[in-house]
Structure formats: structure tokens, C-alpha cells
C-alpha atoms as a PDB file:
ATOM      1  CA  MET A   1      23.446  70.992 -43.599  1.00  0.00           C
ATOM      2  CA  TYR A   2      23.435  68.970 -40.320  1.00  0.00           C
ATOM      3  CA  GLU A   3      26.046  71.141 -38.898  1.00  0.00           C
ATOM      4  CA  GLN A   4      24.101  74.448 -39.739  1.00  0.00           C
ATOM      5  CA  HIS A   5      21.261  72.818 -38.027  1.00  0.00           C
ATOM      6  CA  ARG A   6      23.246  71.909 -35.064  1.00  0.00           C
ATOM      7  CA  PHE A   7      24.763  75.249 -34.891  1.00  0.00           C
ATOM      8  CA  GLY A   8      21.499  77.045 -34.652  1.00  0.00           C
ATOM      9  CA  MET A   9      20.157  74.631 -32.250  1.00  0.00           C
ATOM     10  CA  GLN A  10      23.365  75.282 -30.170  1.00  0.00           C
ATOM     11  CA  LEU A  11      23.121  78.873 -30.350  1.00  0.00           C
ATOM     12  CA  ALA A  12      19.425  78.890 -29.150  1.00  0.00           C
ATOM     13  CA  HIS A  13      20.515  76.562 -26.089  1.00  0.00           C
ATOM     14  CA  LEU A  14      23.219  78.960 -25.357  1.00  0.00           C
ATOM     15  CA  SER A  15      21.074  81.924 -25.193  1.00  0.00           C
ATOM     16  CA  ARG A  16      18.461  80.141 -23.021  1.00  0.00           C
ATOM     17  CA  ALA A  17      20.979  78.470 -20.706  1.00  0.00           C
ATOM     18  CA  TRP A  18      22.743  81.971 -20.122  1.00  0.00           C
ATOM     19  CA  ARG A  19      19.700  83.944 -19.467  1.00  0.00           C
ATOM     20  CA  ALA A  20      18.326  81.029 -16.838  1.00  0.00           C
ATOM     21  CA  GLU A  21      21.756  81.188 -15.192  1.00  0.00           C
ATOM     22  CA  LEU A  22      21.618  84.769 -14.792  1.00  0.00           C
ATOM     23  CA  ASP A  23      17.817  84.647 -13.825  1.00  0.00           C
ATOM     24  CA  ARG A  24      18.868  81.950 -11.164  1.00  0.00           C
ATOM     25  CA  ARG A  25      21.690  84.282  -9.827  1.00  0.00           C
ATOM     26  CA  LEU A  26      19.061  87.379  -9.545  1.00  0.00           C
ATOM     27  CA  THR A  27      16.360  85.584  -7.603  1.00  0.00           C
ATOM     28  CA  ASP A  28      17.422  87.035  -4.531  1.00  0.00           C
ATOM     29  CA  LEU A  29      16.851  90.451  -6.087  1.00  0.00           C
ATOM     30  CA  GLY A  30      12.949  89.825  -6.195  1.00  0.00           C
ATOM     31  CA  LEU A  31      12.900  90.411 -10.061  1.00  0.00           C
ATOM     32  CA  SER A  32      11.649  88.119 -12.843  1.00  0.00           C
ATOM     33  CA  GLN A  33      13.818  87.781 -15.888  1.00  0.00           C
ATOM     34  CA  ALA A  34      11.725  90.209 -18.012  1.00  0.00           C
ATOM     35  CA  ARG A  35      11.852  93.078 -15.312  1.00  0.00           C
ATOM     36  CA  TRP A  36      15.739  92.796 -14.897  1.00  0.00           C
ATOM     37  CA  LEU A  37      16.038  92.879 -18.655  1.00  0.00           C
ATOM     38  CA  VAL A  38      14.027  96.010 -19.063  1.00  0.00           C
ATOM     39  CA  LEU A  39      15.974  97.593 -16.150  1.00  0.00           C
ATOM     40  CA  LEU A  40      19.312  96.621 -17.958  1.00  0.00           C
ATOM     41  CA  HIS A  41      18.053  98.072 -21.314  1.00  0.00           C
ATOM     42  CA  LEU A  42      17.059 101.252 -19.470  1.00  0.00           C
ATOM     43  CA  ALA A  43      20.363 101.536 -18.003  1.00  0.00           C
ATOM     44  CA  ARG A  44      22.019 101.131 -21.119  1.00  0.00           C
ATOM     45  CA  ALA A  45      19.935 103.589 -23.052  1.00  0.00           C
ATOM     46  CA  ILE A  46      21.653 106.882 -23.879  1.00  0.00           C
ATOM     47  CA  GLU A  47      18.185 108.704 -23.710  1.00  0.00           C
ATOM     48  CA  PRO A  48      15.109 107.758 -21.896  1.00  0.00           C
ATOM     49  CA  PRO A  49      13.181 105.624 -24.451  1.00  0.00           C
ATOM     50  CA  THR A  50       9.551 105.938 -25.191  1.00  0.00           C
ATOM     51  CA  GLN A  51       7.465 102.780 -24.300  1.00  0.00           C
ATOM     52  CA  GLY A  52       7.298 101.594 -28.016  1.00  0.00           C
ATOM     53  CA  GLU A  53      11.176 102.121 -28.322  1.00  0.00           C
ATOM     54  CA  LEU A  54      11.717 100.112 -25.161  1.00  0.00           C
ATOM     55  CA  ALA A  55       9.285  97.309 -26.368  1.00  0.00           C
ATOM     56  CA  ASN A  56      11.197  97.109 -29.549  1.00  0.00           C
ATOM     57  CA  SER A  57      14.722  97.007 -27.692  1.00  0.00           C
ATOM     58  CA  VAL A  58      13.595  94.142 -25.264  1.00  0.00           C
ATOM     59  CA  GLY A  59      11.698  92.496 -28.005  1.00  0.00           C
ATOM     60  CA  VAL A  60       8.378  92.152 -26.709  1.00  0.00           C
ATOM     61  CA  GLU A  61       4.908  93.634 -27.765  1.00  0.00           C
ATOM     62  CA  ASN A  62       3.878  96.876 -26.386  1.00  0.00           C
ATOM     63  CA  PRO A  63       0.884  95.652 -23.965  1.00  0.00           C
ATOM     64  CA  THR A  64       3.260  92.867 -22.418  1.00  0.00           C
ATOM     65  CA  LEU A  65       5.809  95.626 -21.649  1.00  0.00           C
ATOM     66  CA  ALA A  66       3.057  97.763 -20.246  1.00  0.00           C
ATOM     67  CA  ARG A  67       2.231  95.140 -17.770  1.00  0.00           C
ATOM     68  CA  MET A  68       5.988  94.856 -16.812  1.00  0.00           C
ATOM     69  CA  LEU A  69       6.367  98.727 -16.441  1.00  0.00           C
ATOM     70  CA  ASP A  70       3.282  98.782 -14.195  1.00  0.00           C
ATOM     71  CA  GLY A  71       5.033  96.391 -12.001  1.00  0.00           C
ATOM     72  CA  LEU A  72       8.320  98.075 -12.100  1.00  0.00           C
ATOM     73  CA  GLU A  73       6.512 101.444 -11.179  1.00  0.00           C
ATOM     74  CA  ALA A  74       4.775  99.860  -8.369  1.00  0.00           C
ATOM     75  CA  GLN A  75       8.113  98.703  -7.018  1.00  0.00           C
ATOM     76  CA  GLN A  76       9.438 102.470  -7.435  1.00  0.00           C
ATOM     77  CA  LEU A  77      12.003 101.479 -10.055  1.00  0.00           C
ATOM     78  CA  ILE A  78      10.787 103.336 -12.958  1.00  0.00           C
ATOM     79  CA  GLU A  79       8.589 106.443 -13.945  1.00  0.00           C
ATOM     80  CA  ARG A  80       6.678 107.438 -16.779  1.00  0.00           C
ATOM     81  CA  GLN A  81       7.380 110.876 -17.799  1.00  0.00           C
ATOM     82  CA  ALA A  82       5.394 113.034 -20.527  1.00  0.00           C
ATOM     83  CA  ASP A  83       7.725 113.732 -23.465  1.00  0.00           C
ATOM     84  CA  GLU A  84       8.405 117.763 -23.538  1.00  0.00           C
ATOM     85  CA  TYR A  85       7.386 117.728 -27.183  1.00  0.00           C
ATOM     86  CA  ASP A  86       4.488 115.515 -27.332  1.00  0.00           C
ATOM     87  CA  ARG A  87       2.695 115.078 -24.047  1.00  0.00           C
ATOM     88  CA  ARG A  88       1.031 111.796 -25.331  1.00  0.00           C
ATOM     89  CA  VAL A  89       4.069 110.281 -25.388  1.00  0.00           C
ATOM     90  CA  LYS A  90       5.758 108.715 -22.157  1.00  0.00           C
ATOM     91  CA  LYS A  91       9.558 108.208 -21.739  1.00  0.00           C
ATOM     92  CA  ILE A  92      10.490 105.847 -19.217  1.00  0.00           C
ATOM     93  CA  VAL A  93      13.143 106.826 -16.713  1.00  0.00           C
ATOM     94  CA  LEU A  94      14.864 104.887 -13.863  1.00  0.00           C
ATOM     95  CA  THR A  95      14.476 106.111 -10.443  1.00  0.00           C
ATOM     96  CA  PRO A  96      17.156 106.532  -7.948  1.00  0.00           C
ATOM     97  CA  CYS A  97      15.901 103.344  -6.184  1.00  0.00           C
ATOM     98  CA  ALA A  98      16.918 101.326  -9.261  1.00  0.00           C
ATOM     99  CA  VAL A  99      20.340 102.773  -9.578  1.00  0.00           C
ATOM    100  CA  ASP A 100      21.751 100.528  -6.711  1.00  0.00           C
ATOM    101  CA  LEU A 101      19.750  97.731  -8.175  1.00  0.00           C
ATOM    102  CA  ILE A 102      21.229  97.922 -11.633  1.00  0.00           C
ATOM    103  CA  GLU A 103      24.697  98.126 -10.130  1.00  0.00           C
ATOM    104  CA  ARG A 104      23.976  94.788  -8.355  1.00  0.00           C
ATOM    105  CA  ILE A 105      22.418  93.233 -11.529  1.00  0.00           C
ATOM    106  CA  GLU A 106      25.592  94.341 -13.513  1.00  0.00           C
ATOM    107  CA  SER A 107      27.999  92.987 -10.954  1.00  0.00           C
ATOM    108  CA  ILE A 108      26.178  89.595 -10.971  1.00  0.00           C
ATOM    109  CA  ALA A 109      26.043  89.571 -14.894  1.00  0.00           C
ATOM    110  CA  THR A 110      29.886  90.549 -15.252  1.00  0.00           C
ATOM    111  CA  THR A 111      30.727  87.602 -13.076  1.00  0.00           C
ATOM    112  CA  LEU A 112      28.697  85.309 -14.905  1.00  0.00           C
ATOM    113  CA  ARG A 113      30.139  86.564 -18.338  1.00  0.00           C
ATOM    114  CA  LYS A 114      33.631  86.431 -17.021  1.00  0.00           C
ATOM    115  CA  GLU A 115      32.571  82.654 -16.079  1.00  0.00           C
ATOM    116  CA  VAL A 116      31.164  81.920 -19.652  1.00  0.00           C
ATOM    117  CA  PHE A 117      33.881  83.420 -21.717  1.00  0.00           C
ATOM    118  CA  ALA A 118      36.730  81.815 -19.642  1.00  0.00           C
ATOM    119  CA  GLY A 119      39.418  80.282 -21.973  1.00  0.00           C
ATOM    120  CA  ILE A 120      38.072  82.063 -24.970  1.00  0.00           C
ATOM    121  CA  THR A 121      40.014  84.382 -26.920  1.00  0.00           C
ATOM    122  CA  GLU A 122      39.284  87.900 -28.254  1.00  0.00           C
ATOM    123  CA  GLN A 123      39.962  86.459 -31.837  1.00  0.00           C
ATOM    124  CA  GLU A 124      37.351  83.647 -31.169  1.00  0.00           C
ATOM    125  CA  ILE A 125      34.848  86.132 -30.157  1.00  0.00           C
ATOM    126  CA  ALA A 126      35.423  88.484 -32.782  1.00  0.00           C
ATOM    127  CA  LEU A 127      34.894  85.390 -35.073  1.00  0.00           C
ATOM    128  CA  CYS A 128      31.692  84.555 -33.706  1.00  0.00           C
ATOM    129  CA  GLN A 129      30.616  88.070 -33.685  1.00  0.00           C
ATOM    130  CA  SER A 130      31.339  88.359 -37.517  1.00  0.00           C
ATOM    131  CA  ILE A 131      29.419  85.096 -38.299  1.00  0.00           C
ATOM    132  CA  GLN A 132      26.584  86.096 -36.146  1.00  0.00           C
ATOM    133  CA  ALA A 133      26.256  89.561 -37.756  1.00  0.00           C
ATOM    134  CA  ARG A 134      26.115  87.975 -41.059  1.00  0.00           C
ATOM    135  CA  MET A 135      23.557  85.703 -40.219  1.00  0.00           C
ATOM    136  CA  LEU A 136      21.502  88.486 -38.818  1.00  0.00           C
ATOM    137  CA  THR A 137      22.031  90.324 -42.020  1.00  0.00           C
ATOM    138  CA  ASN A 138      20.775  87.234 -44.057  1.00  0.00           C
ATOM    139  CA  LEU A 139      17.799  87.281 -41.721  1.00  0.00           C
ATOM    140  CA  GLU A 140      17.001  90.841 -42.024  1.00  0.00           C
ATOM    141  CA  LYS A 141      17.261  90.627 -45.937  1.00  0.00           C
ATOM    142  CA  ARG A 142      14.378  87.973 -45.643  1.00  0.00           C
ATOM    143  CA  ASN A 143      12.374  90.102 -43.622  1.00  0.00           C
ATOM    144  CA  GLU A 144      12.739  92.976 -46.122  1.00  0.00           C
ATOM    145  CA  THR A 145      10.942  91.102 -49.111  1.00  0.00           C
END
């Protein structure tokens, strides 16, 4: 039981430390952690998401995301565009200004990822992913009841 507790604490610590280090490396870009995270989610989206879809993807409440999007819009990094099928719905799209910035974010993030995974084999990563996926499934089952 103690090892499970340690594992959970270590996983949470790893997540916080990784984000904090990436945030430290991105400070010169003038973006908060919340804002660069939103930009990365937008860059990786196949289709421009709605504000609700983006909030769910990033893991924040819709009003919180709305304030972040206001700031990103003021920086001319995103635009809210009316959905062609439902004009009440706004799709969130990146502006051309954001593309260069995202390339810089991705470059910095890739460098950090290589450092974090140094000395770890693909097999070890696959095992961790498998374990984490099972843990997530167990959590999702609890939320269904």
C-alpha cells in the first residue's frame, strides 16, 4: 500500500516539476503556463475546437478559459470565429503570429523532453504508458458510477 502511495505522489511531483521547468524555459516568450498550454492544445488539434472542447482538452472550466482566450486574443495569437453551422458557437483558431511562437515553444519543449527521457528505453516508456492507461481506466470507471 505504501508503494502505491509513493507512486502516486511521485507521479504528481513529476508532472508538476516537468511543467514548472518548461514554464521556466518559456518565460522569455512572455506567456504564462496556462497560455502556452492553450496554444499547444490548439496547435495539436486536428480541427479548430469550440471554446467548450478546448476547455475540456486543457482541463479548465469554461469561464477560466474565456479569460485566457481574451488575453491571447489581445496578444493577437488567437481568433474566435463563428461556426459555419451554428453562429452561436465560436471556434478557436490560431493566428499567423502564433505559428512562429508555437514553433519556438515546441522546440524548447522537445529539448526538455529529450533531457527528461535521457537513459530511458522505449520499452520502459511503453510499460509506464500501459500502467498509466490502466490506472486512468480505473479512475474513469469510478466516475461512471
